[in-house]
Amino acid sequence: MPLLWPIVIKPPKFWRKLPLVSGIWRANGAFSIPLLGKAGSRREWLVLIPVSGYAMVGLGLAAWALLRNQWPALLALMMGLGG
């Protein structure tokens, strides 16, 4: 997606032939900065696994805090429906 969508600013034709610029500023006006290499590379996986683990721990802690704070209300609701 172009950086300033819906405005598309394309690189000048002589810039497209430069190796460094052609890899970052595409002919369709989109920018791409390959920080980790190709998709599926080892570098990508080495970043993906810890970030995913961090996100899962964060979601687990948030769920635990929510459950801990709402447990009395949940028990009262279940007792009210069962009795």
PDB file of N, CA and C in Angstrom:
ATOM      1  N   MET A   1       0.851  -1.164   0.000  1.00  0.00           N
ATOM      2  CA  MET A   1       0.000   0.000   0.000  1.00  0.00           C
ATOM      3  C   MET A   1       0.902   1.233   0.000  1.00  0.00           C
ATOM      4  N   PRO A   2       0.582   2.196  -0.827  1.00  0.00           N
ATOM      5  CA  PRO A   2       1.383   3.416  -0.854  1.00  0.00           C
ATOM      6  C   PRO A   2       1.332   4.137   0.490  1.00  0.00           C
ATOM      7  N   LEU A   3       2.416   4.801   0.842  1.00  0.00           N
ATOM      8  CA  LEU A   3       2.550   5.458   2.127  1.00  0.00           C
ATOM      9  C   LEU A   3       1.513   6.555   2.329  1.00  0.00           C
ATOM     10  N   LEU A   4       1.220   7.329   1.320  1.00  0.00           N
ATOM     11  CA  LEU A   4       0.272   8.437   1.426  1.00  0.00           C
ATOM     12  C   LEU A   4      -1.044   8.138   0.716  1.00  0.00           C
ATOM     13  N   TRP A   5      -1.512   6.902   0.777  1.00  0.00           N
ATOM     14  CA  TRP A   5      -2.725   6.506   0.093  1.00  0.00           C
ATOM     15  C   TRP A   5      -3.845   7.454   0.443  1.00  0.00           C
ATOM     16  N   PRO A   6      -4.641   7.916  -0.458  1.00  0.00           N
ATOM     17  CA  PRO A   6      -4.836   7.547  -1.853  1.00  0.00           C
ATOM     18  C   PRO A   6      -3.923   8.283  -2.815  1.00  0.00           C
ATOM     19  N   ILE A   7      -3.042   9.130  -2.305  1.00  0.00           N
ATOM     20  CA  ILE A   7      -2.092   9.826  -3.169  1.00  0.00           C
ATOM     21  C   ILE A   7      -0.938   8.870  -3.458  1.00  0.00           C
ATOM     22  N   VAL A   8      -0.674   8.627  -4.709  1.00  0.00           N
ATOM     23  CA  VAL A   8       0.398   7.712  -5.096  1.00  0.00           C
ATOM     24  C   VAL A   8       1.538   8.528  -5.686  1.00  0.00           C
ATOM     25  N   ILE A   9       2.666   8.499  -5.014  1.00  0.00           N
ATOM     26  CA  ILE A   9       3.856   9.190  -5.503  1.00  0.00           C
ATOM     27  C   ILE A   9       4.829   8.126  -5.981  1.00  0.00           C
ATOM     28  N   LYS A  10       5.022   8.065  -7.271  1.00  0.00           N
ATOM     29  CA  LYS A  10       5.898   7.057  -7.863  1.00  0.00           C
ATOM     30  C   LYS A  10       7.316   7.604  -7.979  1.00  0.00           C
ATOM     31  N   PRO A  11       8.297   6.734  -7.870  1.00  0.00           N
ATOM     32  CA  PRO A  11       9.677   7.214  -8.002  1.00  0.00           C
ATOM     33  C   PRO A  11       9.984   7.596  -9.444  1.00  0.00           C
ATOM     34  N   PRO A  12      10.901   8.525  -9.642  1.00  0.00           N
ATOM     35  CA  PRO A  12      11.309   8.865 -11.000  1.00  0.00           C
ATOM     36  C   PRO A  12      11.924   7.640 -11.689  1.00  0.00           C
ATOM     37  N   LYS A  13      11.809   7.580 -12.993  1.00  0.00           N
ATOM     38  CA  LYS A  13      12.278   6.397 -13.730  1.00  0.00           C
ATOM     39  C   LYS A  13      13.766   6.130 -13.537  1.00  0.00           C
ATOM     40  N   PHE A  14      14.583   7.162 -13.462  1.00  0.00           N
ATOM     41  CA  PHE A  14      16.015   6.914 -13.296  1.00  0.00           C
ATOM     42  C   PHE A  14      16.322   6.353 -11.895  1.00  0.00           C
ATOM     43  N   TRP A  15      15.472   6.641 -10.905  1.00  0.00           N
ATOM     44  CA  TRP A  15      15.668   6.088  -9.562  1.00  0.00           C
ATOM     45  C   TRP A  15      15.313   4.611  -9.508  1.00  0.00           C
ATOM     46  N   ARG A  16      14.353   4.188 -10.321  1.00  0.00           N
ATOM     47  CA  ARG A  16      13.915   2.785 -10.311  1.00  0.00           C
ATOM     48  C   ARG A  16      15.027   1.828 -10.704  1.00  0.00           C
ATOM     49  N   LYS A  17      16.020   2.331 -11.423  1.00  0.00           N
ATOM     50  CA  LYS A  17      17.111   1.476 -11.880  1.00  0.00           C
ATOM     51  C   LYS A  17      18.210   1.334 -10.841  1.00  0.00           C
ATOM     52  N   LEU A  18      18.199   2.162  -9.811  1.00  0.00           N
ATOM     53  CA  LEU A  18      19.197   2.059  -8.749  1.00  0.00           C
ATOM     54  C   LEU A  18      18.856   0.866  -7.850  1.00  0.00           C
ATOM     55  N   PRO A  19      19.816   0.005  -7.550  1.00  0.00           N
ATOM     56  CA  PRO A  19      19.519  -1.215  -6.799  1.00  0.00           C
ATOM     57  C   PRO A  19      18.915  -0.958  -5.415  1.00  0.00           C
ATOM     58  N   LEU A  20      19.445  -0.033  -4.657  1.00  0.00           N
ATOM     59  CA  LEU A  20      18.953   0.210  -3.308  1.00  0.00           C
ATOM     60  C   LEU A  20      17.560   0.825  -3.313  1.00  0.00           C
ATOM     61  N   VAL A  21      17.342   1.800  -4.164  1.00  0.00           N
ATOM     62  CA  VAL A  21      16.058   2.496  -4.211  1.00  0.00           C
ATOM     63  C   VAL A  21      14.964   1.597  -4.772  1.00  0.00           C
ATOM     64  N   SER A  22      15.265   0.782  -5.765  1.00  0.00           N
ATOM     65  CA  SER A  22      14.234  -0.069  -6.367  1.00  0.00           C
ATOM     66  C   SER A  22      13.721  -1.108  -5.381  1.00  0.00           C
ATOM     67  N   GLY A  23      14.541  -1.505  -4.423  1.00  0.00           N
ATOM     68  CA  GLY A  23      14.090  -2.470  -3.424  1.00  0.00           C
ATOM     69  C   GLY A  23      13.239  -1.853  -2.332  1.00  0.00           C
ATOM     70  N   ILE A  24      13.353  -0.552  -2.127  1.00  0.00           N
ATOM     71  CA  ILE A  24      12.615   0.118  -1.055  1.00  0.00           C
ATOM     72  C   ILE A  24      11.397   0.877  -1.583  1.00  0.00           C
ATOM     73  N   TRP A  25      11.582   1.630  -2.668  1.00  0.00           N
ATOM     74  CA  TRP A  25      10.491   2.424  -3.243  1.00  0.00           C
ATOM     75  C   TRP A  25      10.062   1.758  -4.532  1.00  0.00           C
ATOM     76  N   ARG A  26       8.946   1.067  -4.496  1.00  0.00           N
ATOM     77  CA  ARG A  26       8.462   0.279  -5.633  1.00  0.00           C
ATOM     78  C   ARG A  26       7.899   1.169  -6.744  1.00  0.00           C
ATOM     79  N   ALA A  27       7.771   0.593  -7.923  1.00  0.00           N
ATOM     80  CA  ALA A  27       7.261   1.348  -9.073  1.00  0.00           C
ATOM     81  C   ALA A  27       5.806   1.763  -8.886  1.00  0.00           C
ATOM     82  N   ASN A  28       5.034   1.044  -8.055  1.00  0.00           N
ATOM     83  CA  ASN A  28       3.629   1.398  -7.840  1.00  0.00           C
ATOM     84  C   ASN A  28       3.462   2.448  -6.739  1.00  0.00           C
ATOM     85  N   GLY A  29       4.573   2.948  -6.169  1.00  0.00           N
ATOM     86  CA  GLY A  29       4.515   3.981  -5.151  1.00  0.00           C
ATOM     87  C   GLY A  29       4.574   3.450  -3.733  1.00  0.00           C
ATOM     88  N   ALA A  30       4.570   2.135  -3.553  1.00  0.00           N
ATOM     89  CA  ALA A  30       4.604   1.541  -2.217  1.00  0.00           C
ATOM     90  C   ALA A  30       6.036   1.491  -1.694  1.00  0.00           C
ATOM     91  N   PHE A  31       6.164   1.569  -0.369  1.00  0.00           N
ATOM     92  CA  PHE A  31       7.456   1.447   0.286  1.00  0.00           C
ATOM     93  C   PHE A  31       7.534   0.093   0.967  1.00  0.00           C
ATOM     94  N   SER A  32       8.689  -0.506   0.952  1.00  0.00           N
ATOM     95  CA  SER A  32       8.915  -1.738   1.704  1.00  0.00           C
ATOM     96  C   SER A  32      10.334  -1.708   2.239  1.00  0.00           C
ATOM     97  N   ILE A  33      10.440  -1.963   3.526  1.00  0.00           N
ATOM     98  CA  ILE A  33      11.757  -1.980   4.161  1.00  0.00           C
ATOM     99  C   ILE A  33      11.971  -3.396   4.701  1.00  0.00           C
ATOM    100  N   PRO A  34      12.732  -4.202   3.991  1.00  0.00           N
ATOM    101  CA  PRO A  34      12.935  -5.590   4.411  1.00  0.00           C
ATOM    102  C   PRO A  34      13.912  -5.681   5.589  1.00  0.00           C
ATOM    103  N   LEU A  35      13.390  -5.591   6.802  1.00  0.00           N
ATOM    104  CA  LEU A  35      14.233  -5.627   7.987  1.00  0.00           C
ATOM    105  C   LEU A  35      14.695  -7.033   8.331  1.00  0.00           C
ATOM    106  N   LEU A  36      13.852  -8.008   8.102  1.00  0.00           N
ATOM    107  CA  LEU A  36      14.145  -9.368   8.529  1.00  0.00           C
ATOM    108  C   LEU A  36      14.474 -10.311   7.389  1.00  0.00           C
ATOM    109  N   GLY A  37      14.530  -9.833   6.194  1.00  0.00           N
ATOM    110  CA  GLY A  37      14.817 -10.702   5.061  1.00  0.00           C
ATOM    111  C   GLY A  37      13.538 -11.229   4.430  1.00  0.00           C
ATOM    112  N   LYS A  38      13.646 -12.334   3.749  1.00  0.00           N
ATOM    113  CA  LYS A  38      12.499 -12.918   3.054  1.00  0.00           C
ATOM    114  C   LYS A  38      11.519 -13.530   4.044  1.00  0.00           C
ATOM    115  N   ALA A  39      10.255 -13.617   3.633  1.00  0.00           N
ATOM    116  CA  ALA A  39       9.232 -14.218   4.487  1.00  0.00           C
ATOM    117  C   ALA A  39       9.569 -15.690   4.722  1.00  0.00           C
ATOM    118  N   GLY A  40       9.489 -16.107   5.971  1.00  0.00           N
ATOM    119  CA  GLY A  40       9.802 -17.479   6.321  1.00  0.00           C
ATOM    120  C   GLY A  40      11.273 -17.724   6.618  1.00  0.00           C
ATOM    121  N   SER A  41      12.073 -16.677   6.637  1.00  0.00           N
ATOM    122  CA  SER A  41      13.499 -16.851   6.886  1.00  0.00           C
ATOM    123  C   SER A  41      13.743 -17.167   8.359  1.00  0.00           C
ATOM    124  N   ARG A  42      14.930 -17.616   8.665  1.00  0.00           N
ATOM    125  CA  ARG A  42      15.271 -17.928  10.061  1.00  0.00           C
ATOM    126  C   ARG A  42      15.249 -16.679  10.923  1.00  0.00           C
ATOM    127  N   ARG A  43      15.696 -15.560  10.377  1.00  0.00           N
ATOM    128  CA  ARG A  43      15.664 -14.314  11.143  1.00  0.00           C
ATOM    129  C   ARG A  43      14.238 -13.945  11.513  1.00  0.00           C
ATOM    130  N   GLU A  44      13.319 -14.144  10.578  1.00  0.00           N
ATOM    131  CA  GLU A  44      11.927 -13.831  10.858  1.00  0.00           C
ATOM    132  C   GLU A  44      11.398 -14.731  11.975  1.00  0.00           C
ATOM    133  N   TRP A  45      11.703 -16.013  11.920  1.00  0.00           N
ATOM    134  CA  TRP A  45      11.256 -16.942  12.953  1.00  0.00           C
ATOM    135  C   TRP A  45      11.880 -16.626  14.301  1.00  0.00           C
ATOM    136  N   LEU A  46      13.145 -16.202  14.310  1.00  0.00           N
ATOM    137  CA  LEU A  46      13.802 -15.858  15.561  1.00  0.00           C
ATOM    138  C   LEU A  46      13.162 -14.641  16.235  1.00  0.00           C
ATOM    139  N   VAL A  47      12.538 -13.783  15.460  1.00  0.00           N
ATOM    140  CA  VAL A  47      11.812 -12.652  16.027  1.00  0.00           C
ATOM    141  C   VAL A  47      10.367 -13.050  16.325  1.00  0.00           C
ATOM    142  N   LEU A  48       9.776 -13.854  15.473  1.00  0.00           N
ATOM    143  CA  LEU A  48       8.370 -14.223  15.594  1.00  0.00           C
ATOM    144  C   LEU A  48       8.079 -15.017  16.864  1.00  0.00           C
ATOM    145  N   ILE A  49       8.930 -15.978  17.209  1.00  0.00           N
ATOM    146  CA  ILE A  49       8.662 -16.847  18.349  1.00  0.00           C
ATOM    147  C   ILE A  49       8.648 -16.071  19.668  1.00  0.00           C
ATOM    148  N   PRO A  50       9.663 -15.259  19.989  1.00  0.00           N
ATOM    149  CA  PRO A  50       9.581 -14.513  21.251  1.00  0.00           C
ATOM    150  C   PRO A  50       8.443 -13.491  21.288  1.00  0.00           C
ATOM    151  N   VAL A  51       8.175 -12.836  20.173  1.00  0.00           N
ATOM    152  CA  VAL A  51       7.093 -11.849  20.154  1.00  0.00           C
ATOM    153  C   VAL A  51       5.746 -12.540  20.353  1.00  0.00           C
ATOM    154  N   SER A  52       5.554 -13.699  19.736  1.00  0.00           N
ATOM    155  CA  SER A  52       4.310 -14.447  19.917  1.00  0.00           C
ATOM    156  C   SER A  52       4.168 -14.924  21.355  1.00  0.00           C
ATOM    157  N   GLY A  53       5.264 -15.400  21.938  1.00  0.00           N
ATOM    158  CA  GLY A  53       5.225 -15.822  23.339  1.00  0.00           C
ATOM    159  C   GLY A  53       4.883 -14.673  24.268  1.00  0.00           C
ATOM    160  N   TYR A  54       5.470 -13.516  24.014  1.00  0.00           N
ATOM    161  CA  TYR A  54       5.185 -12.322  24.816  1.00  0.00           C
ATOM    162  C   TYR A  54       3.706 -11.944  24.708  1.00  0.00           C
ATOM    163  N   ALA A  55       3.160 -12.010  23.512  1.00  0.00           N
ATOM    164  CA  ALA A  55       1.748 -11.677  23.309  1.00  0.00           C
ATOM    165  C   ALA A  55       0.849 -12.688  24.024  1.00  0.00           C
ATOM    166  N   MET A  56       1.194 -13.964  23.968  1.00  0.00           N
ATOM    167  CA  MET A  56       0.373 -14.985  24.635  1.00  0.00           C
ATOM    168  C   MET A  56       0.409 -14.819  26.152  1.00  0.00           C
ATOM    169  N   VAL A  57       1.569 -14.497  26.705  1.00  0.00           N
ATOM    170  CA  VAL A  57       1.663 -14.255  28.147  1.00  0.00           C
ATOM    171  C   VAL A  57       0.816 -13.045  28.523  1.00  0.00           C
ATOM    172  N   GLY A  58       0.881 -11.991  27.738  1.00  0.00           N
ATOM    173  CA  GLY A  58       0.075 -10.800  28.008  1.00  0.00           C
ATOM    174  C   GLY A  58      -1.421 -11.092  27.964  1.00  0.00           C
ATOM    175  N   LEU A  59      -1.855 -11.853  26.971  1.00  0.00           N
ATOM    176  CA  LEU A  59      -3.275 -12.219  26.888  1.00  0.00           C
ATOM    177  C   LEU A  59      -3.683 -13.110  28.050  1.00  0.00           C
ATOM    178  N   GLY A  60      -2.810 -14.037  28.435  1.00  0.00           N
ATOM    179  CA  GLY A  60      -3.105 -14.920  29.562  1.00  0.00           C
ATOM    180  C   GLY A  60      -3.232 -14.142  30.867  1.00  0.00           C
ATOM    181  N   LEU A  61      -2.323 -13.198  31.098  1.00  0.00           N
ATOM    182  CA  LEU A  61      -2.395 -12.381  32.317  1.00  0.00           C
ATOM    183  C   LEU A  61      -3.642 -11.499  32.328  1.00  0.00           C
ATOM    184  N   ALA A  62      -4.004 -10.964  31.175  1.00  0.00           N
ATOM    185  CA  ALA A  62      -5.217 -10.144  31.098  1.00  0.00           C
ATOM    186  C   ALA A  62      -6.462 -10.990  31.370  1.00  0.00           C
ATOM    187  N   ALA A  63      -6.505 -12.191  30.820  1.00  0.00           N
ATOM    188  CA  ALA A  63      -7.645 -13.085  31.056  1.00  0.00           C
ATOM    189  C   ALA A  63      -7.712 -13.481  32.532  1.00  0.00           C
ATOM    190  N   TRP A  64      -6.561 -13.765  33.140  1.00  0.00           N
ATOM    191  CA  TRP A  64      -6.517 -14.133  34.558  1.00  0.00           C
ATOM    192  C   TRP A  64      -7.005 -12.975  35.434  1.00  0.00           C
ATOM    193  N   ALA A  65      -6.572 -11.758  35.143  1.00  0.00           N
ATOM    194  CA  ALA A  65      -7.009 -10.594  35.919  1.00  0.00           C
ATOM    195  C   ALA A  65      -8.504 -10.366  35.752  1.00  0.00           C
ATOM    196  N   LEU A  66      -9.003 -10.521  34.562  1.00  0.00           N
ATOM    197  CA  LEU A  66     -10.436 -10.352  34.316  1.00  0.00           C
ATOM    198  C   LEU A  66     -11.234 -11.401  35.067  1.00  0.00           C
ATOM    199  N   LEU A  67     -10.790 -12.643  35.006  1.00  0.00           N
ATOM    200  CA  LEU A  67     -11.488 -13.725  35.699  1.00  0.00           C
ATOM    201  C   LEU A  67     -11.435 -13.519  37.204  1.00  0.00           C
ATOM    202  N   ARG A  68     -10.271 -13.124  37.729  1.00  0.00           N
ATOM    203  CA  ARG A  68     -10.115 -12.918  39.164  1.00  0.00           C
ATOM    204  C   ARG A  68     -11.027 -11.794  39.659  1.00  0.00           C
ATOM    205  N   ASN A  69     -11.165 -10.735  38.873  1.00  0.00           N
ATOM    206  CA  ASN A  69     -12.003  -9.608  39.287  1.00  0.00           C
ATOM    207  C   ASN A  69     -13.491  -9.876  39.111  1.00  0.00           C
ATOM    208  N   GLN A  70     -13.846 -10.706  38.154  1.00  0.00           N
ATOM    209  CA  GLN A  70     -15.254 -10.942  37.861  1.00  0.00           C
ATOM    210  C   GLN A  70     -15.779 -12.250  38.452  1.00  0.00           C
ATOM    211  N   TRP A  71     -14.930 -13.028  39.124  1.00  0.00           N
ATOM    212  CA  TRP A  71     -15.351 -14.339  39.639  1.00  0.00           C
ATOM    213  C   TRP A  71     -16.529 -14.244  40.617  1.00  0.00           C
ATOM    214  N   PRO A  72     -16.556 -13.327  41.589  1.00  0.00           N
ATOM    215  CA  PRO A  72     -17.716 -13.257  42.490  1.00  0.00           C
ATOM    216  C   PRO A  72     -19.028 -12.982  41.750  1.00  0.00           C
ATOM    217  N   ALA A  73     -18.984 -12.091  40.781  1.00  0.00           N
ATOM    218  CA  ALA A  73     -20.202 -11.790  40.020  1.00  0.00           C
ATOM    219  C   ALA A  73     -20.639 -12.988  39.201  1.00  0.00           C
ATOM    220  N   LEU A  74     -19.687 -13.718  38.645  1.00  0.00           N
ATOM    221  CA  LEU A  74     -20.002 -14.901  37.856  1.00  0.00           C
ATOM    222  C   LEU A  74     -20.616 -15.989  38.740  1.00  0.00           C
ATOM    223  N   LEU A  75     -20.040 -16.191  39.930  1.00  0.00           N
ATOM    224  CA  LEU A  75     -20.610 -17.175  40.863  1.00  0.00           C
ATOM    225  C   LEU A  75     -22.027 -16.797  41.289  1.00  0.00           C
ATOM    226  N   ALA A  76     -22.245 -15.536  41.587  1.00  0.00           N
ATOM    227  CA  ALA A  76     -23.574 -15.074  41.986  1.00  0.00           C
ATOM    228  C   ALA A  76     -24.567 -15.269  40.867  1.00  0.00           C
ATOM    229  N   LEU A  77     -24.157 -15.012  39.643  1.00  0.00           N
ATOM    230  CA  LEU A  77     -25.046 -15.209  38.496  1.00  0.00           C
ATOM    231  C   LEU A  77     -25.374 -16.685  38.326  1.00  0.00           C
ATOM    232  N   MET A  78     -24.377 -17.546  38.472  1.00  0.00           N
ATOM    233  CA  MET A  78     -24.622 -18.979  38.321  1.00  0.00           C
ATOM    234  C   MET A  78     -25.509 -19.523  39.441  1.00  0.00           C
ATOM    235  N   MET A  79     -25.326 -19.031  40.664  1.00  0.00           N
ATOM    236  CA  MET A  79     -26.187 -19.456  41.790  1.00  0.00           C
ATOM    237  C   MET A  79     -27.613 -18.981  41.603  1.00  0.00           C
ATOM    238  N   GLY A  80     -27.751 -17.789  41.054  1.00  0.00           N
ATOM    239  CA  GLY A  80     -29.088 -17.240  40.816  1.00  0.00           C
ATOM    240  C   GLY A  80     -29.825 -18.003  39.734  1.00  0.00           C
ATOM    241  N   LEU A  81     -29.106 -18.466  38.708  1.00  0.00           N
ATOM    242  CA  LEU A  81     -29.752 -19.214  37.626  1.00  0.00           C
ATOM    243  C   LEU A  81     -30.043 -20.641  38.051  1.00  0.00           C
ATOM    244  N   GLY A  82     -29.199 -21.234  38.894  1.00  0.00           N
ATOM    245  CA  GLY A  82     -29.362 -22.619  39.296  1.00  0.00           C
ATOM    246  C   GLY A  82     -30.389 -22.809  40.411  1.00  0.00           C
ATOM    247  N   GLY A  83     -30.713 -21.772  41.158  1.00  0.00           N
ATOM    248  CA  GLY A  83     -31.581 -21.932  42.325  1.00  0.00           C
ATOM    249  C   GLY A  83     -32.953 -21.549  42.061  1.00  0.00           C
TER     250      GLY A  83
END
